[in-house]
Amino acid sequence: MEPFARTHRREGAARPRTLHCVQRWLVLAGFGISGLLAGPAHAIDFGDASVLSQQEQRLRLAIPFGSVPGERISVTRFSVVAAEAEPGHASPVPSSFLISTPAQRNVVFFATLEPFTGSTLRLTVQVDDGAETRATYALRIPPFRATPVEILTDAMEVPAAPPPRRGARHRGKGRATR
């Protein structure tokens, strides 16, 4: 073999380990920088909260967020800082809220695990990314009203089982004969 052929890397051979590690670090650094750039550059504004439930149901809320209309913001974490119910009613535990954000909308949904019986709630939520933007809401929960389906099912009587048919016997191809 010629000296050049012995020192030159063959096609299909593994790359040197140091070059592979350097490439991996550059790719990871690129993802880290793009993650920082995709985050919010300024404070996020919360919109007006919408109560989506009634008293004696699991509390459900929708809160829009953003800084400019139509702007897509990729916020990764929201949290409930405080939840205070009116006197005489149990307050939801802030850490027990279920929090979700749809992929295509700038809105965050909050839900409790337990039914809420109070008529008012003071809720403080925050964005946990960067500046920790907070908002406090004084919410009025509407009274429980049965839905038309519940009213109809309560008003309807459940019919008793039909009496068994007497005298009919099945023979042959499933025809009843006497």
N, C-alpha and C. Protein backbone atom coordinates (compact mmCIF):
# COMPACT_ATOMS: atom_id res chain seq x y z
N MET A 1 0.82 -1.18 0.00
CA MET A 1 0.00 0.00 0.00
C MET A 1 0.87 1.24 0.00
N GLU A 2 0.31 2.26 -0.56
CA GLU A 2 1.02 3.53 -0.58
C GLU A 2 0.86 4.23 0.75
N PRO A 3 1.77 5.10 1.15
CA PRO A 3 1.67 5.81 2.43
C PRO A 3 0.41 6.65 2.53
N PHE A 4 -0.03 7.29 1.43
CA PHE A 4 -1.23 8.12 1.47
C PHE A 4 -2.47 7.27 1.76
N ALA A 5 -2.55 6.10 1.21
CA ALA A 5 -3.71 5.24 1.38
C ALA A 5 -3.85 4.77 2.82
N ARG A 6 -2.71 4.57 3.51
CA ARG A 6 -2.79 4.11 4.90
C ARG A 6 -3.22 5.22 5.86
N THR A 7 -2.87 6.44 5.60
CA THR A 7 -3.20 7.53 6.52
C THR A 7 -4.55 8.17 6.21
N HIS A 8 -5.03 8.04 4.99
CA HIS A 8 -6.31 8.65 4.61
C HIS A 8 -7.45 7.75 5.07
N ARG A 9 -8.51 8.36 5.56
CA ARG A 9 -9.67 7.62 6.04
C ARG A 9 -10.43 7.01 4.88
N ARG A 10 -10.86 5.77 5.04
CA ARG A 10 -11.63 5.10 4.00
C ARG A 10 -13.08 5.57 4.03
N GLU A 11 -13.77 5.44 2.91
CA GLU A 11 -15.19 5.77 2.86
C GLU A 11 -15.97 4.79 3.71
N GLY A 12 -16.95 5.31 4.47
CA GLY A 12 -17.77 4.45 5.31
C GLY A 12 -17.16 4.18 6.67
N ALA A 13 -15.93 4.59 6.90
CA ALA A 13 -15.32 4.36 8.20
C ALA A 13 -15.87 5.37 9.21
N ALA A 14 -15.81 5.02 10.48
CA ALA A 14 -16.32 5.89 11.53
C ALA A 14 -15.52 7.18 11.61
N ARG A 15 -16.19 8.28 11.92
CA ARG A 15 -15.52 9.57 12.07
C ARG A 15 -14.70 9.55 13.37
N PRO A 16 -13.72 10.38 13.42
CA PRO A 16 -12.99 10.48 14.68
C PRO A 16 -13.92 10.97 15.78
N ARG A 17 -13.76 10.48 16.98
CA ARG A 17 -14.65 10.76 18.11
C ARG A 17 -14.71 12.25 18.45
N THR A 18 -13.62 12.94 18.38
CA THR A 18 -13.61 14.36 18.75
C THR A 18 -14.45 15.19 17.80
N LEU A 19 -14.40 14.90 16.51
CA LEU A 19 -15.18 15.66 15.54
C LEU A 19 -16.68 15.43 15.78
N HIS A 20 -17.05 14.19 16.06
CA HIS A 20 -18.45 13.87 16.32
C HIS A 20 -18.97 14.60 17.56
N CYS A 21 -18.18 14.66 18.62
CA CYS A 21 -18.57 15.37 19.85
C CYS A 21 -18.73 16.86 19.61
N VAL A 22 -17.83 17.44 18.83
CA VAL A 22 -17.91 18.87 18.53
C VAL A 22 -19.19 19.17 17.75
N GLN A 23 -19.52 18.32 16.76
CA GLN A 23 -20.76 18.53 16.00
C GLN A 23 -21.98 18.42 16.90
N ARG A 24 -21.98 17.45 17.80
CA ARG A 24 -23.11 17.29 18.70
C ARG A 24 -23.28 18.53 19.58
N TRP A 25 -22.20 19.07 20.12
CA TRP A 25 -22.29 20.26 20.97
C TRP A 25 -22.79 21.47 20.19
N LEU A 26 -22.37 21.59 18.93
CA LEU A 26 -22.84 22.71 18.12
C LEU A 26 -24.35 22.61 17.86
N VAL A 27 -24.84 21.40 17.60
CA VAL A 27 -26.28 21.22 17.37
C VAL A 27 -27.06 21.55 18.64
N LEU A 28 -26.60 21.05 19.79
CA LEU A 28 -27.28 21.33 21.05
C LEU A 28 -27.25 22.81 21.39
N ALA A 29 -26.15 23.48 21.12
CA ALA A 29 -26.07 24.92 21.38
C ALA A 29 -27.03 25.68 20.47
N GLY A 30 -27.17 25.23 19.22
CA GLY A 30 -28.11 25.87 18.30
C GLY A 30 -29.55 25.73 18.78
N PHE A 31 -29.93 24.54 19.29
CA PHE A 31 -31.28 24.36 19.83
C PHE A 31 -31.48 25.22 21.07
N GLY A 32 -30.47 25.34 21.91
CA GLY A 32 -30.58 26.17 23.11
C GLY A 32 -30.79 27.64 22.77
N ILE A 33 -30.06 28.13 21.79
CA ILE A 33 -30.21 29.53 21.38
C ILE A 33 -31.57 29.76 20.74
N SER A 34 -32.02 28.81 19.89
CA SER A 34 -33.32 28.99 19.26
C SER A 34 -34.44 28.94 20.30
N GLY A 35 -34.27 28.14 21.37
CA GLY A 35 -35.26 28.11 22.45
C GLY A 35 -35.32 29.44 23.18
N LEU A 36 -34.19 30.08 23.36
CA LEU A 36 -34.18 31.39 24.02
C LEU A 36 -34.81 32.45 23.14
N LEU A 37 -34.57 32.36 21.84
CA LEU A 37 -35.14 33.36 20.93
C LEU A 37 -36.64 33.18 20.77
N ALA A 38 -37.14 31.94 20.88
CA ALA A 38 -38.57 31.70 20.71
C ALA A 38 -39.38 32.15 21.91
N GLY A 39 -38.75 32.31 23.06
CA GLY A 39 -39.44 32.72 24.27
C GLY A 39 -39.89 34.16 24.18
N PRO A 40 -40.74 34.60 25.09
CA PRO A 40 -41.23 35.96 25.04
C PRO A 40 -40.13 36.97 25.35
N ALA A 41 -40.06 38.01 24.54
CA ALA A 41 -39.04 39.02 24.73
C ALA A 41 -39.50 40.11 25.70
N HIS A 42 -40.80 40.18 25.96
CA HIS A 42 -41.34 41.20 26.85
C HIS A 42 -42.44 40.59 27.69
N ALA A 43 -42.99 41.37 28.56
CA ALA A 43 -44.01 40.87 29.48
C ALA A 43 -45.26 40.40 28.71
N ILE A 44 -45.87 39.37 29.26
CA ILE A 44 -47.09 38.82 28.66
C ILE A 44 -48.28 39.39 29.41
N ASP A 45 -49.27 39.85 28.67
CA ASP A 45 -50.48 40.38 29.27
C ASP A 45 -51.54 39.28 29.32
N PHE A 46 -52.24 39.20 30.44
CA PHE A 46 -53.36 38.28 30.57
C PHE A 46 -54.63 39.03 30.19
N GLY A 47 -55.55 38.33 29.53
CA GLY A 47 -56.84 38.92 29.19
C GLY A 47 -57.84 38.68 30.30
N ASP A 48 -59.11 38.92 30.02
CA ASP A 48 -60.19 38.70 30.98
C ASP A 48 -60.47 37.21 31.11
N ALA A 49 -60.63 36.75 32.33
CA ALA A 49 -60.91 35.34 32.58
C ALA A 49 -62.37 35.03 32.28
N SER A 50 -62.61 33.87 31.70
CA SER A 50 -63.97 33.38 31.44
C SER A 50 -64.21 32.16 32.30
N VAL A 51 -65.27 32.19 33.10
CA VAL A 51 -65.64 31.04 33.93
C VAL A 51 -66.48 30.11 33.07
N LEU A 52 -66.06 28.86 32.94
CA LEU A 52 -66.72 27.90 32.07
C LEU A 52 -67.54 26.86 32.85
N SER A 53 -67.69 27.07 34.14
CA SER A 53 -68.42 26.10 34.97
C SER A 53 -69.41 26.84 35.86
N GLN A 54 -70.15 26.05 36.67
CA GLN A 54 -71.12 26.59 37.61
C GLN A 54 -70.76 26.12 39.00
N GLN A 55 -71.44 26.69 40.00
CA GLN A 55 -71.23 26.24 41.37
C GLN A 55 -71.57 24.75 41.46
N GLU A 56 -70.95 24.06 42.38
CA GLU A 56 -71.12 22.63 42.61
C GLU A 56 -70.57 21.79 41.47
N GLN A 57 -69.76 22.37 40.60
CA GLN A 57 -69.07 21.64 39.55
C GLN A 57 -67.57 21.90 39.71
N ARG A 58 -66.78 21.10 39.01
CA ARG A 58 -65.34 21.39 38.98
C ARG A 58 -65.15 22.76 38.35
N LEU A 59 -64.35 23.59 39.00
CA LEU A 59 -64.12 24.94 38.50
C LEU A 59 -63.30 24.87 37.21
N ARG A 60 -63.76 25.53 36.15
CA ARG A 60 -63.05 25.58 34.88
C ARG A 60 -62.98 27.03 34.42
N LEU A 61 -61.77 27.46 34.05
CA LEU A 61 -61.53 28.83 33.61
C LEU A 61 -60.74 28.83 32.31
N ALA A 62 -60.94 29.87 31.50
CA ALA A 62 -60.13 30.11 30.31
C ALA A 62 -59.61 31.54 30.39
N ILE A 63 -58.29 31.69 30.24
CA ILE A 63 -57.68 33.02 30.31
C ILE A 63 -56.81 33.21 29.07
N PRO A 64 -57.16 34.17 28.20
CA PRO A 64 -56.29 34.46 27.05
C PRO A 64 -55.04 35.22 27.50
N PHE A 65 -53.98 35.08 26.72
CA PHE A 65 -52.74 35.79 27.04
C PHE A 65 -52.07 36.21 25.75
N GLY A 66 -51.18 37.20 25.84
CA GLY A 66 -50.43 37.69 24.70
C GLY A 66 -50.08 39.15 24.88
N SER A 67 -49.25 39.64 23.98
CA SER A 67 -48.86 41.04 24.08
C SER A 67 -49.37 41.85 22.89
N VAL A 68 -49.49 41.20 21.73
CA VAL A 68 -49.99 41.84 20.53
C VAL A 68 -51.05 40.90 19.93
N PRO A 69 -52.20 41.39 19.48
CA PRO A 69 -53.21 40.50 18.90
C PRO A 69 -52.64 39.70 17.73
N GLY A 70 -52.92 38.40 17.71
CA GLY A 70 -52.47 37.52 16.64
C GLY A 70 -51.06 37.00 16.80
N GLU A 71 -50.32 37.48 17.78
CA GLU A 71 -48.95 37.02 17.99
C GLU A 71 -48.97 35.64 18.65
N ARG A 72 -48.19 34.70 18.12
CA ARG A 72 -48.09 33.36 18.71
C ARG A 72 -46.99 33.38 19.75
N ILE A 73 -47.34 33.05 20.98
CA ILE A 73 -46.38 33.05 22.08
C ILE A 73 -46.23 31.63 22.59
N SER A 74 -45.01 31.19 22.71
CA SER A 74 -44.77 29.83 23.21
C SER A 74 -44.31 29.91 24.67
N VAL A 75 -45.28 29.94 25.56
CA VAL A 75 -45.00 29.95 26.98
C VAL A 75 -45.08 28.50 27.45
N THR A 76 -44.13 28.10 28.25
CA THR A 76 -44.11 26.70 28.63
C THR A 76 -44.78 26.40 29.95
N ARG A 77 -44.80 27.36 30.89
CA ARG A 77 -45.33 27.06 32.21
C ARG A 77 -46.17 28.18 32.78
N PHE A 78 -47.34 27.80 33.28
CA PHE A 78 -48.21 28.68 34.04
C PHE A 78 -48.41 28.03 35.40
N SER A 79 -48.77 28.84 36.38
CA SER A 79 -49.08 28.26 37.70
C SER A 79 -50.09 29.14 38.41
N VAL A 80 -50.77 28.53 39.38
CA VAL A 80 -51.70 29.25 40.24
C VAL A 80 -50.94 29.57 41.52
N VAL A 81 -50.86 30.84 41.86
CA VAL A 81 -50.11 31.27 43.04
C VAL A 81 -51.01 31.24 44.28
N ALA A 82 -52.24 31.72 44.15
CA ALA A 82 -53.16 31.78 45.29
C ALA A 82 -54.59 31.63 44.81
N ALA A 83 -55.40 31.00 45.66
CA ALA A 83 -56.84 30.86 45.40
C ALA A 83 -57.56 31.03 46.72
N GLU A 84 -58.40 32.08 46.82
CA GLU A 84 -59.11 32.39 48.06
C GLU A 84 -60.61 32.44 47.79
N ALA A 85 -61.35 31.56 48.46
CA ALA A 85 -62.81 31.55 48.33
C ALA A 85 -63.42 32.48 49.36
N GLU A 86 -64.69 32.76 49.18
CA GLU A 86 -65.42 33.58 50.15
C GLU A 86 -65.50 32.84 51.49
N PRO A 87 -65.69 33.55 52.59
CA PRO A 87 -65.78 32.90 53.90
C PRO A 87 -66.90 31.86 53.92
N GLY A 88 -66.61 30.74 54.55
CA GLY A 88 -67.58 29.66 54.66
C GLY A 88 -67.46 28.60 53.57
N HIS A 89 -66.60 28.81 52.60
CA HIS A 89 -66.40 27.85 51.51
C HIS A 89 -64.93 27.46 51.45
N ALA A 90 -64.68 26.22 51.09
CA ALA A 90 -63.31 25.72 50.98
C ALA A 90 -62.63 26.30 49.74
N SER A 91 -61.40 26.76 49.92
CA SER A 91 -60.62 27.29 48.80
C SER A 91 -59.89 26.14 48.09
N PRO A 92 -59.82 26.17 46.77
CA PRO A 92 -59.04 25.16 46.07
C PRO A 92 -57.55 25.32 46.39
N VAL A 93 -56.85 24.22 46.47
CA VAL A 93 -55.40 24.25 46.72
C VAL A 93 -54.73 24.69 45.42
N PRO A 94 -53.87 25.72 45.44
CA PRO A 94 -53.26 26.22 44.20
C PRO A 94 -52.50 25.15 43.41
N SER A 95 -51.84 24.24 44.09
CA SER A 95 -51.05 23.23 43.38
C SER A 95 -51.92 22.13 42.78
N SER A 96 -53.22 22.09 43.10
CA SER A 96 -54.08 21.03 42.59
C SER A 96 -54.78 21.40 41.29
N PHE A 97 -54.55 22.58 40.74
CA PHE A 97 -55.18 22.97 39.49
C PHE A 97 -54.56 22.22 38.32
N LEU A 98 -55.39 21.75 37.41
CA LEU A 98 -54.92 21.18 36.15
C LEU A 98 -54.80 22.33 35.17
N ILE A 99 -53.67 22.43 34.49
CA ILE A 99 -53.40 23.56 33.60
C ILE A 99 -53.06 23.01 32.21
N SER A 100 -53.73 23.56 31.18
CA SER A 100 -53.44 23.12 29.81
C SER A 100 -53.49 24.31 28.86
N THR A 101 -52.68 24.23 27.81
CA THR A 101 -52.66 25.25 26.77
C THR A 101 -52.74 24.57 25.41
N PRO A 102 -53.72 24.92 24.59
CA PRO A 102 -53.79 24.34 23.24
C PRO A 102 -52.61 24.83 22.39
N ALA A 103 -52.23 24.03 21.43
CA ALA A 103 -51.06 24.35 20.60
C ALA A 103 -51.27 25.56 19.69
N GLN A 104 -52.47 25.77 19.20
CA GLN A 104 -52.69 26.80 18.20
C GLN A 104 -53.35 28.08 18.72
N ARG A 105 -53.54 28.19 20.04
CA ARG A 105 -54.24 29.36 20.58
C ARG A 105 -53.48 29.91 21.77
N ASN A 106 -53.56 31.22 21.96
CA ASN A 106 -52.95 31.87 23.12
C ASN A 106 -53.97 31.95 24.24
N VAL A 107 -54.32 30.81 24.79
CA VAL A 107 -55.26 30.74 25.90
C VAL A 107 -54.78 29.62 26.82
N VAL A 108 -55.00 29.82 28.11
CA VAL A 108 -54.64 28.78 29.08
C VAL A 108 -55.92 28.40 29.83
N PHE A 109 -56.09 27.09 30.05
CA PHE A 109 -57.26 26.57 30.75
C PHE A 109 -56.84 26.08 32.13
N PHE A 110 -57.63 26.44 33.13
CA PHE A 110 -57.40 25.99 34.51
C PHE A 110 -58.62 25.20 34.95
N ALA A 111 -58.41 24.10 35.67
CA ALA A 111 -59.52 23.28 36.18
C ALA A 111 -59.13 22.72 37.54
N THR A 112 -60.10 22.62 38.44
CA THR A 112 -59.86 22.03 39.75
C THR A 112 -60.24 20.55 39.70
N LEU A 113 -59.73 19.81 40.65
CA LEU A 113 -60.05 18.39 40.75
C LEU A 113 -61.35 18.17 41.51
N GLU A 114 -61.65 19.07 42.43
CA GLU A 114 -62.84 18.94 43.28
C GLU A 114 -63.90 19.96 42.88
N PRO A 115 -65.18 19.67 43.10
CA PRO A 115 -66.23 20.66 42.85
C PRO A 115 -66.05 21.89 43.73
N PHE A 116 -66.41 23.04 43.20
CA PHE A 116 -66.31 24.30 43.94
C PHE A 116 -67.73 24.78 44.24
N THR A 117 -68.01 25.09 45.50
CA THR A 117 -69.37 25.46 45.90
C THR A 117 -69.56 26.96 46.13
N GLY A 118 -68.50 27.72 46.16
CA GLY A 118 -68.62 29.15 46.44
C GLY A 118 -69.12 29.94 45.25
N SER A 119 -69.53 31.19 45.51
CA SER A 119 -70.00 32.05 44.43
C SER A 119 -68.93 33.03 43.96
N THR A 120 -67.88 33.25 44.77
CA THR A 120 -66.78 34.13 44.36
C THR A 120 -65.44 33.47 44.68
N LEU A 121 -64.44 33.84 43.91
CA LEU A 121 -63.09 33.30 44.09
C LEU A 121 -62.10 34.36 43.66
N ARG A 122 -61.08 34.55 44.46
CA ARG A 122 -59.98 35.45 44.11
C ARG A 122 -58.81 34.55 43.71
N LEU A 123 -58.37 34.67 42.47
CA LEU A 123 -57.37 33.77 41.90
C LEU A 123 -56.19 34.57 41.37
N THR A 124 -54.98 34.14 41.72
CA THR A 124 -53.76 34.77 41.21
C THR A 124 -52.99 33.73 40.40
N VAL A 125 -52.73 34.05 39.12
CA VAL A 125 -51.98 33.16 38.23
C VAL A 125 -50.72 33.87 37.77
N GLN A 126 -49.74 33.08 37.35
CA GLN A 126 -48.50 33.68 36.86
C GLN A 126 -47.89 32.84 35.76
N VAL A 127 -47.04 33.50 34.96
CA VAL A 127 -46.22 32.84 33.95
C VAL A 127 -44.89 32.56 34.62
N ASP A 128 -44.44 31.31 34.55
CA ASP A 128 -43.20 30.94 35.23
C ASP A 128 -41.95 31.12 34.37
N ASP A 129 -42.09 31.62 33.15
CA ASP A 129 -40.94 31.82 32.26
C ASP A 129 -40.42 33.24 32.40
N GLY A 130 -39.18 33.39 32.74
CA GLY A 130 -38.53 34.70 32.72
C GLY A 130 -39.04 35.70 33.73
N ALA A 131 -39.84 36.67 33.29
CA ALA A 131 -40.22 37.82 34.10
C ALA A 131 -41.26 37.50 35.17
N GLU A 132 -41.86 36.33 35.15
CA GLU A 132 -42.89 35.94 36.11
C GLU A 132 -44.02 36.96 36.18
N THR A 133 -44.72 37.11 35.10
CA THR A 133 -45.87 38.00 35.02
C THR A 133 -47.02 37.42 35.83
N ARG A 134 -47.67 38.24 36.65
CA ARG A 134 -48.79 37.80 37.49
C ARG A 134 -50.04 38.60 37.17
N ALA A 135 -51.19 37.94 37.43
CA ALA A 135 -52.48 38.60 37.30
C ALA A 135 -53.41 38.05 38.37
N THR A 136 -54.23 38.93 38.96
CA THR A 136 -55.19 38.52 39.98
C THR A 136 -56.60 38.80 39.47
N TYR A 137 -57.49 37.83 39.66
CA TYR A 137 -58.86 37.94 39.18
C TYR A 137 -59.83 37.78 40.34
N ALA A 138 -60.89 38.57 40.34
CA ALA A 138 -62.01 38.39 41.26
C ALA A 138 -63.13 37.77 40.42
N LEU A 139 -63.34 36.48 40.59
CA LEU A 139 -64.26 35.73 39.74
C LEU A 139 -65.60 35.50 40.41
N ARG A 140 -66.66 35.60 39.64
CA ARG A 140 -68.01 35.25 40.10
C ARG A 140 -68.40 33.95 39.39
N ILE A 141 -68.71 32.95 40.19
CA ILE A 141 -69.10 31.65 39.65
C ILE A 141 -70.62 31.61 39.59
N PRO A 142 -71.22 31.35 38.43
CA PRO A 142 -72.68 31.35 38.32
C PRO A 142 -73.30 30.21 39.12
N PRO A 143 -74.53 30.41 39.61
CA PRO A 143 -75.20 29.36 40.38
C PRO A 143 -75.50 28.15 39.50
N PHE A 144 -75.62 27.02 40.15
CA PHE A 144 -75.89 25.77 39.43
C PHE A 144 -77.30 25.79 38.86
N ARG A 145 -77.41 25.48 37.59
CA ARG A 145 -78.69 25.31 36.92
C ARG A 145 -78.63 24.00 36.16
N ALA A 146 -79.65 23.20 36.34
CA ALA A 146 -79.68 21.92 35.64
C ALA A 146 -79.83 22.15 34.15
N THR A 147 -79.18 21.33 33.38
CA THR A 147 -79.28 21.42 31.92
C THR A 147 -80.60 20.79 31.48
N PRO A 148 -81.07 21.11 30.29
CA PRO A 148 -82.32 20.50 29.82
C PRO A 148 -82.29 18.97 29.84
N VAL A 149 -81.15 18.37 29.57
CA VAL A 149 -81.06 16.91 29.58
C VAL A 149 -81.29 16.38 31.00
N GLU A 150 -80.70 17.04 32.01
CA GLU A 150 -80.89 16.60 33.39
C GLU A 150 -82.35 16.77 33.81
N ILE A 151 -82.98 17.86 33.40
CA ILE A 151 -84.38 18.09 33.76
C ILE A 151 -85.25 17.01 33.14
N LEU A 152 -85.01 16.69 31.87
CA LEU A 152 -85.82 15.68 31.19
C LEU A 152 -85.62 14.29 31.79
N THR A 153 -84.38 13.94 32.11
CA THR A 153 -84.14 12.60 32.65
C THR A 153 -84.70 12.47 34.06
N ASP A 154 -84.74 13.56 34.83
CA ASP A 154 -85.33 13.50 36.16
C ASP A 154 -86.86 13.40 36.08
N ALA A 155 -87.47 14.05 35.09
CA ALA A 155 -88.92 14.07 34.98
C ALA A 155 -89.48 12.78 34.38
N MET A 156 -88.67 12.10 33.62
CA MET A 156 -89.15 10.88 32.98
C MET A 156 -89.17 9.73 33.97
N GLU A 157 -90.21 8.95 33.89
CA GLU A 157 -90.27 7.75 34.71
C GLU A 157 -89.61 6.62 33.93
N VAL A 158 -88.90 5.81 34.64
CA VAL A 158 -88.28 4.67 33.99
C VAL A 158 -89.33 3.57 33.91
N PRO A 159 -89.68 3.13 32.70
CA PRO A 159 -90.71 2.10 32.59
C PRO A 159 -90.22 0.77 33.15
N ALA A 160 -91.17 0.04 33.70
CA ALA A 160 -90.83 -1.28 34.22
C ALA A 160 -90.56 -2.21 33.05
N ALA A 161 -89.91 -3.31 33.33
CA ALA A 161 -89.61 -4.27 32.29
C ALA A 161 -90.92 -4.82 31.73
N PRO A 162 -90.99 -5.05 30.43
CA PRO A 162 -92.23 -5.57 29.86
C PRO A 162 -92.51 -6.98 30.39
N PRO A 163 -93.78 -7.33 30.53
CA PRO A 163 -94.10 -8.66 31.05
C PRO A 163 -93.66 -9.72 30.05
N PRO A 164 -93.29 -10.89 30.55
CA PRO A 164 -92.85 -11.95 29.62
C PRO A 164 -94.01 -12.41 28.75
N ARG A 165 -93.74 -12.78 27.55
CA ARG A 165 -94.75 -13.28 26.63
C ARG A 165 -95.08 -14.72 26.99
N ARG A 166 -96.34 -15.00 27.09
CA ARG A 166 -96.75 -16.36 27.46
C ARG A 166 -97.37 -17.05 26.25
N GLY A 167 -97.13 -18.31 26.16
CA GLY A 167 -97.75 -19.12 25.13
C GLY A 167 -97.03 -19.14 23.81
N ALA A 168 -96.08 -18.27 23.60
CA ALA A 168 -95.36 -18.28 22.33
C ALA A 168 -94.21 -19.25 22.42
N ARG A 169 -94.12 -20.13 21.46
CA ARG A 169 -93.02 -21.09 21.40
C ARG A 169 -92.33 -20.93 20.05
N HIS A 170 -91.08 -21.02 20.10
CA HIS A 170 -90.30 -20.92 18.87
C HIS A 170 -89.96 -22.31 18.38
N ARG A 171 -90.21 -22.53 17.10
CA ARG A 171 -89.90 -23.81 16.53
C ARG A 171 -89.35 -23.59 15.11
N GLY A 172 -88.38 -24.31 14.77
CA GLY A 172 -87.86 -24.27 13.41
C GLY A 172 -87.10 -23.01 13.11
N LYS A 173 -87.57 -22.21 12.18
CA LYS A 173 -86.84 -21.04 11.68
C LYS A 173 -87.16 -19.77 12.45
N GLY A 174 -87.53 -19.85 13.70
CA GLY A 174 -87.74 -18.67 14.51
C GLY A 174 -89.14 -18.13 14.42
N ARG A 175 -90.09 -18.87 13.83
CA ARG A 175 -91.46 -18.40 13.76
C ARG A 175 -92.22 -18.79 15.01
N ALA A 176 -93.03 -17.88 15.52
CA ALA A 176 -93.83 -18.20 16.71
C ALA A 176 -95.06 -18.97 16.27
N THR A 177 -95.34 -20.06 16.98
CA THR A 177 -96.53 -20.86 16.66
C THR A 177 -97.32 -21.09 17.92
N ARG A 178 -98.58 -21.43 17.77
CA ARG A 178 -99.41 -21.72 18.94
C ARG A 178 -99.73 -23.15 18.99
